[in-house]
Amino acid sequence: MPKKKTNIFFKVLAVLFLVYIAITIAYKSGYYENKISNRATMTKEAMEKFEEDLQNGEMVDVKNYLKEDKIDYSNKVTKVGNKLSKGISEVMTNGISGLFKVLKGLFW
């Protein structure tokens, strides 16, 4: 039984779709945003300093006790990946809506 030859276009399309899914999952999971928000919680030392300042009657501001290290982990690869995933998403959305418009024109 001879094997069917698959079209290279469909192989490339399948790979691009898998890349799109992987990038979307990584982007939506918010891994880095979660790590940054965890750093914003007060450490034990910051809490002790806060309580000490309260006992001394000093003016306290929560911003003085929170660590807010905003680190940008993006690089050229992630920027290209995000642009690629947004492009594929737009093509898929517009393609599907266009398909529905054609089907609507045929049947209604």
N, C-alpha and C. Protein backbone atom coordinates (compact mmCIF):
# COMPACT_ATOMS: atom_id res chain seq x y z
N MET A 1 0.83 -1.17 0.00
CA MET A 1 0.00 0.00 0.00
C MET A 1 0.89 1.25 0.00
N PRO A 2 0.82 2.06 -1.03
CA PRO A 2 1.69 3.24 -1.08
C PRO A 2 1.22 4.32 -0.10
N LYS A 3 2.20 5.02 0.44
CA LYS A 3 1.89 6.09 1.39
C LYS A 3 1.41 7.32 0.63
N LYS A 4 0.50 8.04 1.26
CA LYS A 4 0.02 9.28 0.68
C LYS A 4 1.08 10.36 0.89
N LYS A 5 1.31 11.17 -0.13
CA LYS A 5 2.22 12.28 0.01
C LYS A 5 1.45 13.46 0.59
N THR A 6 2.00 14.03 1.65
CA THR A 6 1.34 15.19 2.24
C THR A 6 1.96 16.45 1.64
N ASN A 7 1.13 17.42 1.47
CA ASN A 7 1.56 18.67 0.89
C ASN A 7 2.43 19.43 1.88
N ILE A 8 3.52 20.01 1.39
CA ILE A 8 4.44 20.75 2.26
C ILE A 8 3.75 21.95 2.88
N PHE A 9 2.79 22.52 2.18
CA PHE A 9 2.04 23.66 2.71
C PHE A 9 1.34 23.29 4.01
N PHE A 10 0.72 22.13 4.05
CA PHE A 10 0.00 21.70 5.24
C PHE A 10 0.96 21.37 6.39
N LYS A 11 2.14 20.88 6.07
CA LYS A 11 3.14 20.63 7.11
C LYS A 11 3.58 21.95 7.73
N VAL A 12 3.88 22.94 6.89
CA VAL A 12 4.30 24.25 7.39
C VAL A 12 3.17 24.89 8.18
N LEU A 13 1.96 24.77 7.69
CA LEU A 13 0.80 25.32 8.39
C LEU A 13 0.62 24.67 9.76
N ALA A 14 0.81 23.37 9.83
CA ALA A 14 0.68 22.66 11.10
C ALA A 14 1.77 23.11 12.08
N VAL A 15 2.99 23.26 11.60
CA VAL A 15 4.08 23.71 12.48
C VAL A 15 3.81 25.12 12.97
N LEU A 16 3.38 26.01 12.08
CA LEU A 16 3.06 27.38 12.48
C LEU A 16 1.92 27.42 13.49
N PHE A 17 0.94 26.56 13.32
CA PHE A 17 -0.17 26.51 14.26
C PHE A 17 0.30 26.04 15.63
N LEU A 18 1.18 25.03 15.67
CA LEU A 18 1.72 24.55 16.94
C LEU A 18 2.56 25.62 17.62
N VAL A 19 3.35 26.36 16.84
CA VAL A 19 4.14 27.45 17.41
C VAL A 19 3.21 28.52 17.97
N TYR A 20 2.16 28.83 17.24
CA TYR A 20 1.18 29.81 17.71
C TYR A 20 0.55 29.38 19.03
N ILE A 21 0.17 28.13 19.12
CA ILE A 21 -0.44 27.61 20.35
C ILE A 21 0.56 27.70 21.51
N ALA A 22 1.81 27.31 21.27
CA ALA A 22 2.82 27.32 22.33
C ALA A 22 3.08 28.75 22.82
N ILE A 23 3.21 29.68 21.90
CA ILE A 23 3.47 31.07 22.29
C ILE A 23 2.27 31.66 23.01
N THR A 24 1.09 31.36 22.55
CA THR A 24 -0.11 31.87 23.20
C THR A 24 -0.24 31.35 24.63
N ILE A 25 0.04 30.07 24.82
CA ILE A 25 -0.04 29.49 26.17
C ILE A 25 1.00 30.15 27.07
N ALA A 26 2.21 30.33 26.58
CA ALA A 26 3.26 30.95 27.39
C ALA A 26 2.90 32.40 27.73
N TYR A 27 2.33 33.09 26.77
CA TYR A 27 1.97 34.50 26.98
C TYR A 27 0.81 34.63 27.96
N LYS A 28 -0.19 33.79 27.79
CA LYS A 28 -1.39 33.88 28.63
C LYS A 28 -1.17 33.35 30.04
N SER A 29 -0.21 32.45 30.22
CA SER A 29 0.01 31.88 31.54
C SER A 29 0.56 32.91 32.51
N GLY A 30 1.24 33.93 32.01
CA GLY A 30 1.72 35.01 32.85
C GLY A 30 2.79 34.59 33.84
N TYR A 31 3.71 33.75 33.41
CA TYR A 31 4.73 33.24 34.32
C TYR A 31 5.56 34.37 34.91
N TYR A 32 6.08 35.25 34.07
CA TYR A 32 6.95 36.31 34.58
C TYR A 32 6.18 37.34 35.39
N GLU A 33 4.97 37.64 34.98
CA GLU A 33 4.15 38.58 35.75
C GLU A 33 3.86 38.02 37.13
N ASN A 34 3.68 36.72 37.22
CA ASN A 34 3.43 36.08 38.50
C ASN A 34 4.66 36.17 39.40
N LYS A 35 5.84 35.96 38.84
CA LYS A 35 7.05 36.07 39.65
C LYS A 35 7.25 37.49 40.15
N ILE A 36 6.96 38.46 39.32
CA ILE A 36 7.13 39.86 39.71
C ILE A 36 6.12 40.22 40.80
N SER A 37 4.89 39.77 40.67
CA SER A 37 3.90 40.10 41.69
C SER A 37 4.21 39.43 43.03
N ASN A 38 4.84 38.26 42.99
CA ASN A 38 5.24 37.60 44.23
C ASN A 38 6.32 38.39 44.96
N ARG A 39 7.15 39.09 44.23
CA ARG A 39 8.18 39.91 44.85
C ARG A 39 7.60 41.13 45.54
N ALA A 40 6.39 41.51 45.16
CA ALA A 40 5.78 42.70 45.73
C ALA A 40 5.24 42.45 47.13
N THR A 41 5.17 41.21 47.54
CA THR A 41 4.69 40.94 48.90
C THR A 41 5.76 41.31 49.91
N MET A 42 5.31 41.67 51.06
CA MET A 42 6.26 42.10 52.09
C MET A 42 7.09 40.94 52.60
N THR A 43 8.36 41.20 52.75
CA THR A 43 9.23 40.20 53.36
C THR A 43 9.15 40.35 54.88
N LYS A 44 9.70 39.41 55.56
CA LYS A 44 9.65 39.44 57.02
C LYS A 44 10.37 40.67 57.57
N GLU A 45 11.50 41.00 56.97
CA GLU A 45 12.25 42.17 57.42
C GLU A 45 11.47 43.45 57.18
N ALA A 46 10.83 43.55 56.04
CA ALA A 46 10.05 44.74 55.73
C ALA A 46 8.88 44.89 56.70
N MET A 47 8.27 43.77 57.08
CA MET A 47 7.16 43.83 58.03
C MET A 47 7.64 44.29 59.40
N GLU A 48 8.81 43.79 59.82
CA GLU A 48 9.35 44.21 61.11
C GLU A 48 9.69 45.71 61.11
N LYS A 49 10.26 46.19 60.02
CA LYS A 49 10.59 47.62 59.92
C LYS A 49 9.30 48.45 59.93
N PHE A 50 8.28 47.96 59.23
CA PHE A 50 6.99 48.66 59.19
C PHE A 50 6.39 48.76 60.59
N GLU A 51 6.38 47.66 61.31
CA GLU A 51 5.83 47.66 62.68
C GLU A 51 6.65 48.55 63.61
N GLU A 52 7.96 48.56 63.45
CA GLU A 52 8.82 49.42 64.26
C GLU A 52 8.54 50.89 63.99
N ASP A 53 8.35 51.24 62.71
CA ASP A 53 8.03 52.63 62.37
C ASP A 53 6.67 53.03 62.92
N LEU A 54 5.73 52.10 62.92
CA LEU A 54 4.41 52.40 63.50
C LEU A 54 4.51 52.65 65.01
N GLN A 55 5.28 51.84 65.68
CA GLN A 55 5.43 52.01 67.13
C GLN A 55 6.14 53.32 67.47
N ASN A 56 7.04 53.77 66.60
CA ASN A 56 7.76 55.02 66.83
C ASN A 56 6.94 56.24 66.44
N GLY A 57 5.78 56.03 65.85
CA GLY A 57 4.89 57.12 65.48
C GLY A 57 5.31 57.85 64.21
N GLU A 58 6.11 57.23 63.39
CA GLU A 58 6.54 57.86 62.14
C GLU A 58 5.46 57.71 61.08
N MET A 59 5.52 58.60 60.10
CA MET A 59 4.60 58.49 58.96
C MET A 59 5.06 57.29 58.11
N VAL A 60 4.12 56.43 57.78
CA VAL A 60 4.48 55.23 57.02
C VAL A 60 3.79 55.28 55.67
N ASP A 61 4.50 54.78 54.70
CA ASP A 61 3.97 54.63 53.35
C ASP A 61 4.33 53.23 52.88
N VAL A 62 3.35 52.50 52.42
CA VAL A 62 3.55 51.10 52.04
C VAL A 62 4.59 50.99 50.93
N LYS A 63 4.67 51.99 50.07
CA LYS A 63 5.63 51.94 48.96
C LYS A 63 7.07 51.87 49.45
N ASN A 64 7.32 52.37 50.65
CA ASN A 64 8.68 52.33 51.18
C ASN A 64 9.08 50.93 51.63
N TYR A 65 8.12 50.04 51.79
CA TYR A 65 8.40 48.72 52.34
C TYR A 65 8.25 47.60 51.32
N LEU A 66 7.74 47.91 50.16
CA LEU A 66 7.55 46.89 49.12
C LEU A 66 8.69 46.93 48.11
N LYS A 67 9.09 45.77 47.69
CA LYS A 67 10.06 45.68 46.61
C LYS A 67 9.30 45.70 45.30
N GLU A 68 9.69 46.58 44.44
CA GLU A 68 9.01 46.65 43.13
C GLU A 68 10.07 46.63 42.04
N ASP A 69 10.61 45.45 41.79
CA ASP A 69 11.61 45.29 40.74
C ASP A 69 10.91 44.84 39.47
N LYS A 70 10.77 45.75 38.55
CA LYS A 70 10.13 45.44 37.28
C LYS A 70 11.22 45.09 36.28
N ILE A 71 11.32 43.81 35.96
CA ILE A 71 12.35 43.34 35.05
C ILE A 71 11.67 42.95 33.74
N ASP A 72 12.21 43.48 32.66
CA ASP A 72 11.67 43.16 31.34
C ASP A 72 12.45 41.98 30.76
N TYR A 73 11.80 40.86 30.63
CA TYR A 73 12.46 39.66 30.13
C TYR A 73 12.33 39.51 28.62
N SER A 74 11.71 40.45 27.98
CA SER A 74 11.51 40.31 26.54
C SER A 74 12.82 40.57 25.81
N ASN A 75 12.95 39.89 24.69
CA ASN A 75 14.09 40.09 23.81
C ASN A 75 13.58 40.02 22.38
N LYS A 76 14.48 40.02 21.43
CA LYS A 76 14.05 40.03 20.03
C LYS A 76 13.23 38.80 19.68
N VAL A 77 13.60 37.66 20.24
CA VAL A 77 12.89 36.41 19.91
C VAL A 77 11.46 36.46 20.44
N THR A 78 11.27 36.92 21.68
CA THR A 78 9.91 36.97 22.21
C THR A 78 9.08 38.02 21.50
N LYS A 79 9.70 39.14 21.13
CA LYS A 79 8.96 40.16 20.40
C LYS A 79 8.52 39.64 19.04
N VAL A 80 9.41 38.94 18.34
CA VAL A 80 9.05 38.36 17.04
C VAL A 80 7.97 37.30 17.23
N GLY A 81 8.11 36.49 18.28
CA GLY A 81 7.11 35.46 18.55
C GLY A 81 5.75 36.04 18.84
N ASN A 82 5.71 37.13 19.63
CA ASN A 82 4.43 37.78 19.93
C ASN A 82 3.82 38.39 18.68
N LYS A 83 4.64 39.03 17.85
CA LYS A 83 4.12 39.60 16.60
C LYS A 83 3.61 38.51 15.68
N LEU A 84 4.35 37.40 15.62
CA LEU A 84 3.94 36.28 14.78
C LEU A 84 2.63 35.69 15.27
N SER A 85 2.49 35.52 16.58
CA SER A 85 1.26 34.94 17.11
C SER A 85 0.07 35.87 16.91
N LYS A 86 0.29 37.19 17.06
CA LYS A 86 -0.79 38.14 16.81
C LYS A 86 -1.19 38.13 15.33
N GLY A 87 -0.19 38.04 14.45
CA GLY A 87 -0.47 37.98 13.02
C GLY A 87 -1.26 36.74 12.65
N ILE A 88 -0.84 35.60 13.18
CA ILE A 88 -1.55 34.35 12.89
C ILE A 88 -2.96 34.42 13.45
N SER A 89 -3.11 35.00 14.63
CA SER A 89 -4.43 35.13 15.24
C SER A 89 -5.35 35.99 14.37
N GLU A 90 -4.81 37.10 13.87
CA GLU A 90 -5.62 37.96 13.01
C GLU A 90 -6.00 37.26 11.72
N VAL A 91 -5.04 36.54 11.12
CA VAL A 91 -5.32 35.82 9.88
C VAL A 91 -6.38 34.75 10.12
N MET A 92 -6.24 34.02 11.23
CA MET A 92 -7.22 32.98 11.53
C MET A 92 -8.60 33.59 11.78
N THR A 93 -8.65 34.68 12.54
CA THR A 93 -9.93 35.32 12.83
C THR A 93 -10.57 35.87 11.57
N ASN A 94 -9.78 36.62 10.79
CA ASN A 94 -10.34 37.19 9.56
C ASN A 94 -10.67 36.11 8.54
N GLY A 95 -9.87 35.06 8.50
CA GLY A 95 -10.14 33.97 7.57
C GLY A 95 -11.42 33.23 7.91
N ILE A 96 -11.63 32.97 9.18
CA ILE A 96 -12.84 32.27 9.60
C ILE A 96 -14.06 33.15 9.40
N SER A 97 -13.95 34.44 9.74
CA SER A 97 -15.10 35.32 9.54
C SER A 97 -15.38 35.49 8.05
N GLY A 98 -14.33 35.53 7.23
CA GLY A 98 -14.53 35.60 5.78
C GLY A 98 -15.19 34.35 5.25
N LEU A 99 -14.81 33.21 5.79
CA LEU A 99 -15.42 31.94 5.38
C LEU A 99 -16.90 31.93 5.72
N PHE A 100 -17.23 32.42 6.92
CA PHE A 100 -18.64 32.47 7.31
C PHE A 100 -19.43 33.43 6.43
N LYS A 101 -18.80 34.54 6.04
CA LYS A 101 -19.49 35.47 5.13
C LYS A 101 -19.77 34.82 3.79
N VAL A 102 -18.80 34.05 3.28
CA VAL A 102 -19.00 33.36 2.00
C VAL A 102 -20.10 32.32 2.14
N LEU A 103 -20.08 31.55 3.23
CA LEU A 103 -21.12 30.55 3.45
C LEU A 103 -22.49 31.20 3.62
N LYS A 104 -22.50 32.35 4.30
CA LYS A 104 -23.77 33.06 4.48
C LYS A 104 -24.31 33.53 3.14
N GLY A 105 -23.40 34.01 2.28
CA GLY A 105 -23.82 34.45 0.95
C GLY A 105 -24.33 33.32 0.10
N LEU A 106 -23.79 32.12 0.29
CA LEU A 106 -24.23 30.98 -0.49
C LEU A 106 -25.58 30.44 -0.06
N PHE A 107 -25.84 30.45 1.23
CA PHE A 107 -27.04 29.81 1.74
C PHE A 107 -28.16 30.75 2.13
N TRP A 108 -27.91 32.04 2.27
CA TRP A 108 -28.98 32.95 2.65
C TRP A 108 -29.17 34.02 1.67
